[in-house]
N, C-alpha and C. Protein backbone atom coordinates (compact mmCIF):
# COMPACT_ATOMS: atom_id res chain seq x y z
N MET A 1 -46.76 8.37 -63.01
CA MET A 1 -46.46 7.24 -63.86
C MET A 1 -46.53 7.70 -65.31
N ALA A 2 -45.59 7.24 -66.07
CA ALA A 2 -45.50 7.57 -67.49
C ALA A 2 -44.50 6.60 -68.10
N ASP A 3 -44.33 6.68 -69.41
CA ASP A 3 -43.33 5.86 -70.08
C ASP A 3 -42.15 6.75 -70.45
N PHE A 4 -41.18 6.86 -69.54
CA PHE A 4 -40.06 7.77 -69.71
C PHE A 4 -39.02 7.30 -70.73
N ASN A 5 -38.99 6.00 -71.05
CA ASN A 5 -38.00 5.52 -72.01
C ASN A 5 -38.63 4.94 -73.27
N ASN A 6 -39.92 5.16 -73.48
CA ASN A 6 -40.60 4.82 -74.72
C ASN A 6 -40.49 3.35 -75.10
N ASP A 7 -40.57 2.46 -74.08
CA ASP A 7 -40.50 1.03 -74.36
C ASP A 7 -41.85 0.34 -74.18
N GLY A 8 -42.89 1.11 -73.88
CA GLY A 8 -44.22 0.55 -73.69
C GLY A 8 -44.52 0.10 -72.28
N ASP A 9 -43.54 0.11 -71.40
CA ASP A 9 -43.73 -0.28 -70.00
C ASP A 9 -43.92 0.97 -69.14
N THR A 10 -44.73 0.86 -68.11
CA THR A 10 -44.98 1.98 -67.21
C THR A 10 -43.78 2.22 -66.31
N ASP A 11 -43.35 3.48 -66.27
CA ASP A 11 -42.25 3.91 -65.42
C ASP A 11 -42.81 4.84 -64.34
N VAL A 12 -41.98 5.15 -63.36
CA VAL A 12 -42.42 5.97 -62.24
C VAL A 12 -41.37 7.03 -61.93
N ALA A 13 -41.84 8.25 -61.68
CA ALA A 13 -40.97 9.32 -61.15
C ALA A 13 -41.46 9.59 -59.74
N VAL A 14 -40.55 9.57 -58.78
CA VAL A 14 -40.91 9.83 -57.39
C VAL A 14 -40.00 10.91 -56.83
N LEU A 15 -40.52 11.61 -55.84
CA LEU A 15 -39.75 12.62 -55.14
C LEU A 15 -39.26 12.01 -53.84
N VAL A 16 -37.94 11.97 -53.66
CA VAL A 16 -37.33 11.43 -52.45
C VAL A 16 -36.77 12.61 -51.68
N THR A 17 -37.25 12.79 -50.45
CA THR A 17 -36.81 13.94 -49.65
C THR A 17 -36.22 13.48 -48.32
N ASN A 18 -35.32 14.29 -47.82
CA ASN A 18 -34.81 14.15 -46.46
C ASN A 18 -34.50 15.57 -45.98
N PRO A 19 -34.14 15.78 -44.73
CA PRO A 19 -33.96 17.15 -44.23
C PRO A 19 -32.92 17.99 -44.97
N SER A 20 -31.96 17.36 -45.62
CA SER A 20 -30.89 18.15 -46.25
C SER A 20 -30.98 18.23 -47.77
N SER A 21 -31.79 17.38 -48.41
CA SER A 21 -31.85 17.42 -49.86
C SER A 21 -33.11 16.73 -50.37
N ALA A 22 -33.32 16.88 -51.67
CA ALA A 22 -34.41 16.18 -52.34
C ALA A 22 -33.93 15.81 -53.73
N ARG A 23 -34.57 14.79 -54.30
CA ARG A 23 -34.21 14.39 -55.66
C ARG A 23 -35.42 13.76 -56.33
N VAL A 24 -35.47 13.92 -57.65
CA VAL A 24 -36.42 13.19 -58.47
C VAL A 24 -35.74 11.88 -58.83
N GLN A 25 -36.39 10.79 -58.53
CA GLN A 25 -35.84 9.47 -58.82
C GLN A 25 -36.69 8.84 -59.92
N LEU A 26 -36.06 8.47 -61.04
CA LEU A 26 -36.75 7.75 -62.10
C LEU A 26 -36.56 6.27 -61.91
N LEU A 27 -37.67 5.54 -61.97
CA LEU A 27 -37.66 4.09 -61.88
C LEU A 27 -38.32 3.55 -63.14
N LEU A 28 -37.59 2.77 -63.91
CA LEU A 28 -38.09 2.27 -65.18
C LEU A 28 -38.72 0.89 -64.99
N GLY A 29 -39.89 0.72 -65.62
CA GLY A 29 -40.59 -0.56 -65.53
C GLY A 29 -39.92 -1.62 -66.37
N ASN A 30 -39.92 -2.85 -65.85
CA ASN A 30 -39.33 -3.98 -66.57
C ASN A 30 -40.38 -4.78 -67.33
N GLY A 31 -41.65 -4.40 -67.22
CA GLY A 31 -42.71 -5.11 -67.91
C GLY A 31 -43.27 -6.30 -67.16
N ASP A 32 -42.69 -6.58 -65.98
CA ASP A 32 -43.16 -7.71 -65.19
C ASP A 32 -43.62 -7.27 -63.79
N GLY A 33 -43.83 -5.97 -63.62
CA GLY A 33 -44.25 -5.44 -62.33
C GLY A 33 -43.10 -4.96 -61.47
N SER A 34 -41.87 -5.19 -61.91
CA SER A 34 -40.71 -4.73 -61.15
C SER A 34 -40.16 -3.45 -61.78
N LEU A 35 -39.36 -2.74 -61.00
CA LEU A 35 -38.77 -1.47 -61.44
C LEU A 35 -37.27 -1.50 -61.23
N ARG A 36 -36.57 -0.72 -62.05
CA ARG A 36 -35.12 -0.57 -61.87
C ARG A 36 -34.79 0.92 -61.82
N THR A 37 -33.79 1.27 -61.05
CA THR A 37 -33.38 2.66 -60.91
C THR A 37 -32.73 3.14 -62.19
N ALA A 38 -33.17 4.33 -62.64
CA ALA A 38 -32.63 4.87 -63.89
C ALA A 38 -31.76 6.09 -63.66
N GLY A 39 -32.14 6.95 -62.74
CA GLY A 39 -31.37 8.16 -62.52
C GLY A 39 -31.99 9.00 -61.43
N ALA A 40 -31.18 9.89 -60.87
CA ALA A 40 -31.64 10.78 -59.81
C ALA A 40 -31.23 12.20 -60.18
N TYR A 41 -32.13 13.16 -59.89
CA TYR A 41 -31.94 14.56 -60.26
C TYR A 41 -32.20 15.41 -59.03
N LEU A 42 -31.18 16.14 -58.58
CA LEU A 42 -31.28 16.93 -57.35
C LEU A 42 -32.22 18.11 -57.53
N VAL A 43 -33.04 18.34 -56.51
CA VAL A 43 -33.95 19.49 -56.44
C VAL A 43 -34.10 19.87 -54.97
N ASN A 44 -33.25 20.73 -54.49
CA ASN A 44 -33.30 21.11 -53.08
C ASN A 44 -34.60 21.81 -52.74
N GLY A 45 -35.21 21.44 -51.61
CA GLY A 45 -36.39 22.10 -51.10
C GLY A 45 -37.68 21.71 -51.79
N ALA A 46 -37.73 20.62 -52.49
CA ALA A 46 -38.92 20.23 -53.24
C ALA A 46 -39.97 19.59 -52.34
N ASP A 47 -41.25 19.79 -52.71
CA ASP A 47 -42.36 19.26 -51.92
C ASP A 47 -43.29 18.33 -52.67
N ALA A 48 -43.43 18.48 -53.98
CA ALA A 48 -44.39 17.67 -54.73
C ALA A 48 -43.91 17.53 -56.17
N LEU A 49 -44.44 16.53 -56.86
CA LEU A 49 -44.01 16.21 -58.21
C LEU A 49 -45.23 15.87 -59.06
N ALA A 50 -45.18 16.24 -60.33
CA ALA A 50 -46.20 15.85 -61.31
C ALA A 50 -45.49 15.53 -62.62
N ALA A 51 -46.04 14.58 -63.37
CA ALA A 51 -45.46 14.22 -64.66
C ALA A 51 -46.50 14.41 -65.76
N GLY A 52 -46.05 14.87 -66.91
CA GLY A 52 -46.91 15.06 -68.07
C GLY A 52 -46.10 15.64 -69.21
N ASP A 53 -46.67 15.65 -70.39
CA ASP A 53 -45.97 16.16 -71.57
C ASP A 53 -46.19 17.67 -71.65
N LEU A 54 -45.21 18.44 -71.22
CA LEU A 54 -45.34 19.90 -71.13
C LEU A 54 -45.01 20.62 -72.43
N ASN A 55 -44.32 19.96 -73.36
CA ASN A 55 -43.90 20.63 -74.59
C ASN A 55 -44.40 19.94 -75.86
N HIS A 56 -45.38 19.07 -75.74
CA HIS A 56 -46.02 18.41 -76.88
C HIS A 56 -45.04 17.65 -77.78
N ASP A 57 -44.01 17.04 -77.18
CA ASP A 57 -43.08 16.25 -77.99
C ASP A 57 -43.32 14.74 -77.84
N GLY A 58 -44.37 14.37 -77.09
CA GLY A 58 -44.68 12.96 -76.87
C GLY A 58 -43.85 12.29 -75.79
N LYS A 59 -43.01 13.06 -75.11
CA LYS A 59 -42.15 12.52 -74.05
C LYS A 59 -42.59 13.12 -72.72
N PRO A 60 -42.78 12.29 -71.68
CA PRO A 60 -43.19 12.84 -70.39
C PRO A 60 -42.10 13.68 -69.75
N ASP A 61 -42.53 14.77 -69.13
CA ASP A 61 -41.67 15.70 -68.41
C ASP A 61 -42.05 15.67 -66.95
N VAL A 62 -41.22 16.27 -66.10
CA VAL A 62 -41.48 16.30 -64.66
C VAL A 62 -41.47 17.75 -64.18
N ALA A 63 -42.50 18.09 -63.40
CA ALA A 63 -42.58 19.40 -62.74
C ALA A 63 -42.55 19.17 -61.24
N VAL A 64 -41.76 19.99 -60.54
CA VAL A 64 -41.59 19.85 -59.09
C VAL A 64 -41.92 21.18 -58.41
N ALA A 65 -42.78 21.13 -57.39
CA ALA A 65 -43.04 22.31 -56.57
C ALA A 65 -41.85 22.50 -55.65
N ASN A 66 -41.30 23.71 -55.66
CA ASN A 66 -40.08 23.97 -54.91
C ASN A 66 -40.25 25.23 -54.06
N PRO A 67 -40.94 25.13 -52.91
CA PRO A 67 -41.18 26.32 -52.10
C PRO A 67 -39.91 26.94 -51.52
N MET A 68 -38.87 26.15 -51.31
CA MET A 68 -37.63 26.70 -50.76
C MET A 68 -37.02 27.74 -51.70
N LEU A 69 -37.10 27.49 -53.01
CA LEU A 69 -36.57 28.42 -54.00
C LEU A 69 -37.65 29.30 -54.61
N ALA A 70 -38.90 29.17 -54.14
CA ALA A 70 -40.05 29.94 -54.63
C ALA A 70 -40.24 29.77 -56.13
N CYS A 71 -40.15 28.51 -56.59
CA CYS A 71 -40.27 28.26 -58.02
C CYS A 71 -40.82 26.87 -58.29
N ALA A 72 -41.16 26.66 -59.54
CA ALA A 72 -41.42 25.32 -60.06
C ALA A 72 -40.18 24.92 -60.83
N THR A 73 -39.69 23.73 -60.57
CA THR A 73 -38.51 23.22 -61.28
C THR A 73 -38.99 22.20 -62.29
N LEU A 74 -38.62 22.40 -63.55
CA LEU A 74 -39.03 21.50 -64.63
C LEU A 74 -37.85 20.73 -65.17
N PHE A 75 -38.09 19.46 -65.45
CA PHE A 75 -37.12 18.59 -66.11
C PHE A 75 -37.81 18.04 -67.36
N MET A 76 -37.30 18.34 -68.53
CA MET A 76 -37.91 17.85 -69.76
C MET A 76 -37.40 16.43 -70.03
N GLY A 77 -38.34 15.53 -70.30
CA GLY A 77 -37.99 14.15 -70.61
C GLY A 77 -37.32 14.05 -71.96
N LEU A 78 -36.30 13.22 -72.04
CA LEU A 78 -35.56 13.04 -73.29
C LEU A 78 -36.02 11.82 -74.07
N GLY A 79 -36.92 11.03 -73.50
CA GLY A 79 -37.47 9.86 -74.19
C GLY A 79 -36.64 8.61 -74.10
N ASP A 80 -35.51 8.69 -73.41
CA ASP A 80 -34.62 7.53 -73.28
C ASP A 80 -34.44 7.09 -71.83
N GLY A 81 -35.35 7.53 -70.96
CA GLY A 81 -35.25 7.18 -69.55
C GLY A 81 -34.43 8.17 -68.75
N THR A 82 -34.13 9.32 -69.35
CA THR A 82 -33.39 10.37 -68.65
C THR A 82 -34.16 11.68 -68.76
N LEU A 83 -33.75 12.63 -67.93
CA LEU A 83 -34.35 13.97 -67.93
C LEU A 83 -33.28 14.99 -68.25
N GLY A 84 -33.69 16.08 -68.91
CA GLY A 84 -32.77 17.17 -69.21
C GLY A 84 -32.47 17.99 -67.97
N PRO A 85 -31.66 19.03 -68.10
CA PRO A 85 -31.28 19.86 -66.96
C PRO A 85 -32.49 20.62 -66.41
N PRO A 86 -32.44 20.98 -65.12
CA PRO A 86 -33.57 21.68 -64.52
C PRO A 86 -33.71 23.10 -65.03
N LYS A 87 -34.95 23.56 -65.09
CA LYS A 87 -35.25 24.95 -65.43
C LYS A 87 -36.26 25.42 -64.40
N ASN A 88 -35.98 26.57 -63.77
CA ASN A 88 -36.84 27.09 -62.72
C ASN A 88 -37.75 28.20 -63.24
N TYR A 89 -39.00 28.18 -62.78
CA TYR A 89 -39.98 29.22 -63.09
C TYR A 89 -40.50 29.78 -61.79
N LEU A 90 -40.28 31.07 -61.57
CA LEU A 90 -40.75 31.73 -60.35
C LEU A 90 -42.26 31.62 -60.25
N GLY A 91 -42.73 31.45 -59.03
CA GLY A 91 -44.16 31.42 -58.79
C GLY A 91 -44.72 30.03 -58.57
N GLY A 92 -44.00 29.01 -58.90
CA GLY A 92 -44.47 27.64 -58.65
C GLY A 92 -44.02 27.18 -57.29
N ASP A 93 -44.26 28.03 -56.29
CA ASP A 93 -43.65 27.85 -54.98
C ASP A 93 -44.56 27.18 -53.97
N GLY A 94 -45.62 26.56 -54.39
CA GLY A 94 -46.53 25.91 -53.45
C GLY A 94 -45.99 24.60 -52.94
N THR A 95 -46.81 23.93 -52.17
CA THR A 95 -46.45 22.63 -51.62
C THR A 95 -47.09 21.50 -52.43
N ASP A 96 -47.84 21.85 -53.48
CA ASP A 96 -48.43 20.88 -54.37
C ASP A 96 -48.34 21.43 -55.78
N ILE A 97 -48.21 20.56 -56.76
CA ILE A 97 -48.16 21.00 -58.15
C ILE A 97 -48.95 20.02 -58.99
N ARG A 98 -49.69 20.56 -59.94
CA ARG A 98 -50.49 19.74 -60.85
C ARG A 98 -50.28 20.25 -62.27
N ILE A 99 -50.42 19.35 -63.22
CA ILE A 99 -50.38 19.69 -64.63
C ILE A 99 -51.79 19.54 -65.16
N ALA A 100 -52.33 20.61 -65.70
CA ALA A 100 -53.69 20.58 -66.24
C ALA A 100 -53.85 21.73 -67.24
N ASP A 101 -54.77 21.57 -68.16
CA ASP A 101 -55.07 22.64 -69.11
C ASP A 101 -56.08 23.57 -68.45
N VAL A 102 -55.60 24.45 -67.61
CA VAL A 102 -56.46 25.36 -66.85
C VAL A 102 -57.13 26.38 -67.77
N THR A 103 -56.47 26.80 -68.81
CA THR A 103 -56.99 27.86 -69.68
C THR A 103 -57.88 27.34 -70.81
N GLY A 104 -57.94 26.03 -71.02
CA GLY A 104 -58.79 25.46 -72.05
C GLY A 104 -58.29 25.65 -73.46
N ASP A 105 -56.98 25.91 -73.63
CA ASP A 105 -56.43 26.13 -74.97
C ASP A 105 -55.71 24.91 -75.54
N GLY A 106 -55.80 23.77 -74.84
CA GLY A 106 -55.15 22.55 -75.31
C GLY A 106 -53.68 22.45 -74.94
N ILE A 107 -53.17 23.41 -74.17
CA ILE A 107 -51.77 23.45 -73.77
C ILE A 107 -51.69 23.22 -72.26
N PRO A 108 -50.81 22.32 -71.80
CA PRO A 108 -50.70 22.08 -70.36
C PRO A 108 -50.21 23.32 -69.61
N ASP A 109 -50.83 23.58 -68.46
CA ASP A 109 -50.44 24.65 -67.56
C ASP A 109 -49.99 24.01 -66.25
N LEU A 110 -49.33 24.80 -65.41
CA LEU A 110 -48.94 24.33 -64.08
C LEU A 110 -49.79 25.03 -63.04
N LEU A 111 -50.33 24.27 -62.11
CA LEU A 111 -51.12 24.79 -61.00
C LEU A 111 -50.35 24.47 -59.73
N SER A 112 -49.88 25.51 -59.05
CA SER A 112 -49.11 25.37 -57.83
C SER A 112 -49.95 25.90 -56.68
N THR A 113 -50.15 25.08 -55.66
CA THR A 113 -50.98 25.52 -54.54
C THR A 113 -50.25 25.33 -53.23
N GLY A 114 -50.67 26.11 -52.28
CA GLY A 114 -50.14 26.12 -50.93
C GLY A 114 -50.85 27.24 -50.22
N PHE A 115 -50.12 28.23 -49.72
CA PHE A 115 -50.75 29.39 -49.10
C PHE A 115 -51.55 30.17 -50.13
N ASN A 116 -51.03 30.28 -51.33
CA ASN A 116 -51.73 30.89 -52.46
C ASN A 116 -51.76 29.90 -53.61
N MET A 117 -52.66 30.11 -54.53
CA MET A 117 -52.68 29.31 -55.75
C MET A 117 -52.06 30.16 -56.85
N ARG A 118 -51.18 29.54 -57.61
CA ARG A 118 -50.56 30.22 -58.75
C ARG A 118 -50.73 29.34 -59.98
N VAL A 119 -51.04 30.00 -61.08
CA VAL A 119 -51.15 29.31 -62.36
C VAL A 119 -50.06 29.83 -63.27
N LEU A 120 -49.25 28.93 -63.78
CA LEU A 120 -48.25 29.26 -64.79
C LEU A 120 -48.80 28.75 -66.11
N VAL A 121 -49.21 29.67 -66.96
CA VAL A 121 -49.84 29.33 -68.23
C VAL A 121 -48.77 28.84 -69.21
N GLY A 122 -49.01 27.67 -69.78
CA GLY A 122 -48.06 27.08 -70.71
C GLY A 122 -48.09 27.73 -72.08
N ASN A 123 -46.93 27.80 -72.71
CA ASN A 123 -46.81 28.34 -74.06
C ASN A 123 -46.86 27.24 -75.13
N GLY A 124 -46.88 25.98 -74.69
CA GLY A 124 -46.95 24.86 -75.63
C GLY A 124 -45.62 24.29 -76.04
N ASN A 125 -44.54 24.92 -75.63
CA ASN A 125 -43.20 24.45 -76.00
C ASN A 125 -42.33 24.12 -74.78
N GLY A 126 -42.98 23.95 -73.61
CA GLY A 126 -42.25 23.64 -72.39
C GLY A 126 -41.83 24.86 -71.61
N THR A 127 -42.21 26.05 -72.09
CA THR A 127 -41.97 27.28 -71.34
C THR A 127 -43.30 27.79 -70.81
N PHE A 128 -43.21 28.69 -69.82
CA PHE A 128 -44.42 29.16 -69.14
C PHE A 128 -44.38 30.66 -68.94
N GLN A 129 -45.55 31.26 -68.94
CA GLN A 129 -45.69 32.68 -68.68
C GLN A 129 -45.53 32.93 -67.18
N SER A 130 -45.41 34.19 -66.81
CA SER A 130 -45.30 34.55 -65.40
C SER A 130 -46.51 34.04 -64.63
N ALA A 131 -46.28 33.67 -63.39
CA ALA A 131 -47.34 33.10 -62.56
C ALA A 131 -48.42 34.13 -62.28
N GLN A 132 -49.67 33.67 -62.35
CA GLN A 132 -50.82 34.47 -61.95
C GLN A 132 -51.23 33.99 -60.57
N LYS A 133 -51.35 34.91 -59.63
CA LYS A 133 -51.62 34.56 -58.23
C LYS A 133 -53.10 34.73 -57.92
N TYR A 134 -53.64 33.74 -57.17
CA TYR A 134 -55.02 33.78 -56.71
C TYR A 134 -55.03 33.54 -55.21
N SER A 135 -55.88 34.25 -54.49
CA SER A 135 -56.02 34.00 -53.05
C SER A 135 -56.65 32.63 -52.86
N HIS A 136 -55.99 31.82 -52.10
CA HIS A 136 -56.45 30.44 -51.94
C HIS A 136 -55.53 29.77 -50.94
N THR A 137 -56.05 28.87 -50.16
CA THR A 137 -55.18 28.08 -49.29
C THR A 137 -55.52 26.61 -49.46
N GLY A 138 -54.54 25.79 -49.32
CA GLY A 138 -54.74 24.35 -49.38
C GLY A 138 -54.45 23.77 -50.75
N ALA A 139 -54.12 22.52 -50.76
CA ALA A 139 -53.86 21.80 -52.00
C ALA A 139 -55.19 21.36 -52.61
N PRO A 140 -55.26 21.28 -53.93
CA PRO A 140 -56.52 20.85 -54.55
C PRO A 140 -56.82 19.40 -54.23
N ALA A 141 -58.07 19.15 -53.92
CA ALA A 141 -58.50 17.77 -53.71
C ALA A 141 -58.80 17.12 -55.05
N ALA A 142 -59.28 17.92 -56.00
CA ALA A 142 -59.61 17.38 -57.31
C ALA A 142 -59.59 18.47 -58.36
N LEU A 143 -59.20 18.10 -59.56
CA LEU A 143 -59.28 18.96 -60.74
C LEU A 143 -60.15 18.24 -61.75
N ALA A 144 -61.21 18.90 -62.19
CA ALA A 144 -62.11 18.30 -63.18
C ALA A 144 -63.03 19.40 -63.71
N ASP A 145 -63.79 19.07 -64.71
CA ASP A 145 -64.78 20.00 -65.26
C ASP A 145 -66.12 19.73 -64.57
N PHE A 146 -66.31 20.30 -63.39
CA PHE A 146 -67.49 20.02 -62.58
C PHE A 146 -68.78 20.62 -63.15
N ASN A 147 -68.69 21.73 -63.86
CA ASN A 147 -69.90 22.36 -64.40
C ASN A 147 -70.05 22.13 -65.91
N LEU A 148 -69.23 21.25 -66.47
CA LEU A 148 -69.33 20.81 -67.87
C LEU A 148 -69.28 21.94 -68.89
N ASP A 149 -68.43 22.95 -68.61
CA ASP A 149 -68.29 24.05 -69.56
C ASP A 149 -66.99 23.96 -70.36
N GLY A 150 -66.23 22.89 -70.17
CA GLY A 150 -64.98 22.72 -70.89
C GLY A 150 -63.76 23.26 -70.16
N GLY A 151 -63.95 23.91 -69.01
CA GLY A 151 -62.84 24.45 -68.23
C GLY A 151 -62.49 23.55 -67.07
N ILE A 152 -61.25 23.63 -66.61
CA ILE A 152 -60.81 22.87 -65.45
C ILE A 152 -61.20 23.63 -64.19
N ASP A 153 -61.93 22.96 -63.31
CA ASP A 153 -62.36 23.53 -62.04
C ASP A 153 -61.57 22.89 -60.91
N LEU A 154 -61.53 23.57 -59.79
CA LEU A 154 -60.72 23.15 -58.65
C LEU A 154 -61.61 22.98 -57.43
N VAL A 155 -61.48 21.85 -56.76
CA VAL A 155 -62.14 21.64 -55.47
C VAL A 155 -61.04 21.53 -54.44
N THR A 156 -61.17 22.30 -53.37
CA THR A 156 -60.14 22.30 -52.34
C THR A 156 -60.78 22.30 -50.96
N PRO A 157 -60.18 21.60 -49.99
CA PRO A 157 -60.74 21.58 -48.64
C PRO A 157 -60.50 22.90 -47.92
N ILE A 158 -61.45 23.27 -47.06
CA ILE A 158 -61.29 24.41 -46.16
C ILE A 158 -61.69 23.95 -44.77
N ALA A 159 -61.78 24.85 -43.84
CA ALA A 159 -62.06 24.51 -42.44
C ALA A 159 -63.42 23.85 -42.26
N ASN A 160 -63.58 23.12 -41.16
CA ASN A 160 -64.85 22.51 -40.75
C ASN A 160 -65.41 21.54 -41.77
N SER A 161 -64.57 20.75 -42.40
CA SER A 161 -64.97 19.72 -43.36
C SER A 161 -65.72 20.25 -44.57
N ALA A 162 -65.55 21.51 -44.89
CA ALA A 162 -66.19 22.11 -46.06
C ALA A 162 -65.19 22.14 -47.22
N VAL A 163 -65.69 22.41 -48.40
CA VAL A 163 -64.83 22.55 -49.57
C VAL A 163 -65.18 23.84 -50.29
N THR A 164 -64.22 24.33 -51.04
CA THR A 164 -64.43 25.46 -51.94
C THR A 164 -64.32 24.93 -53.35
N ILE A 165 -65.21 25.36 -54.21
CA ILE A 165 -65.14 25.01 -55.63
C ILE A 165 -64.84 26.29 -56.40
N ILE A 166 -63.75 26.27 -57.13
CA ILE A 166 -63.37 27.41 -57.95
C ILE A 166 -63.61 27.02 -59.40
N LEU A 167 -64.55 27.70 -60.04
CA LEU A 167 -64.90 27.38 -61.42
C LEU A 167 -64.11 28.26 -62.35
N HIS A 168 -63.51 27.66 -63.34
CA HIS A 168 -62.75 28.40 -64.35
C HIS A 168 -63.40 28.19 -65.71
N ALA A 169 -63.70 29.25 -66.37
CA ALA A 169 -64.25 29.17 -67.72
C ALA A 169 -63.11 28.92 -68.70
N PRO A 170 -63.37 28.23 -69.80
CA PRO A 170 -62.32 28.04 -70.80
C PRO A 170 -61.78 29.37 -71.28
N GLY A 171 -60.45 29.42 -71.43
CA GLY A 171 -59.81 30.64 -71.92
C GLY A 171 -59.54 31.67 -70.85
N THR A 172 -59.81 31.35 -69.57
CA THR A 172 -59.52 32.31 -68.50
C THR A 172 -58.44 31.80 -67.60
C-alpha cells in the first residue's frame, strides 16, 4: 500500500499470477474505501511484490521477485498513478522480496529470499549494486532491529518449528 498518484488516498499494488503470465496491478484509492484499476504491468515468472521509495524522490516504486528470470524487476513510480518501464537486476531471484535498509546507511536495499538470501545494496538513486549471496533458506518471517544496534535483523523459520535469527550490524 502506498500513494501512487499523490492524491492523499491509499493505493494498492498487487501481483496477479496465473500459469502463463504475471502482472503488477495498480489499484488507486477513491478515498471512500473503494479502489479503481489504474494499470497493469507484465512481469513473467514473478512470485512476490514490495512497494517503497527506492530512489528518494517521494514517489513509491515497486520491486518484484522474479525467480523465472533470476532477477528482481523494478518499476519506478511516476507519481501520477503509473509506473515506469521495468528494469531487471540479477540476483533478486527469490520467491520473496522486501525493501529495507539492511546496511544502515539510510538508503533502501532489496532483500530477496528463497533457496538463498541475496541482498542488493541500494545506491540511493533507484539503482542497485550486484547481489551479495548468503546461505539461507526460507522467506523472512520478520525484519526488525531485534538487538537494538541500529541494523536490520532477519528472523526466518527453519525445520521443527524453530527459527533462525540473522543479526546484521549497521554498515554491513
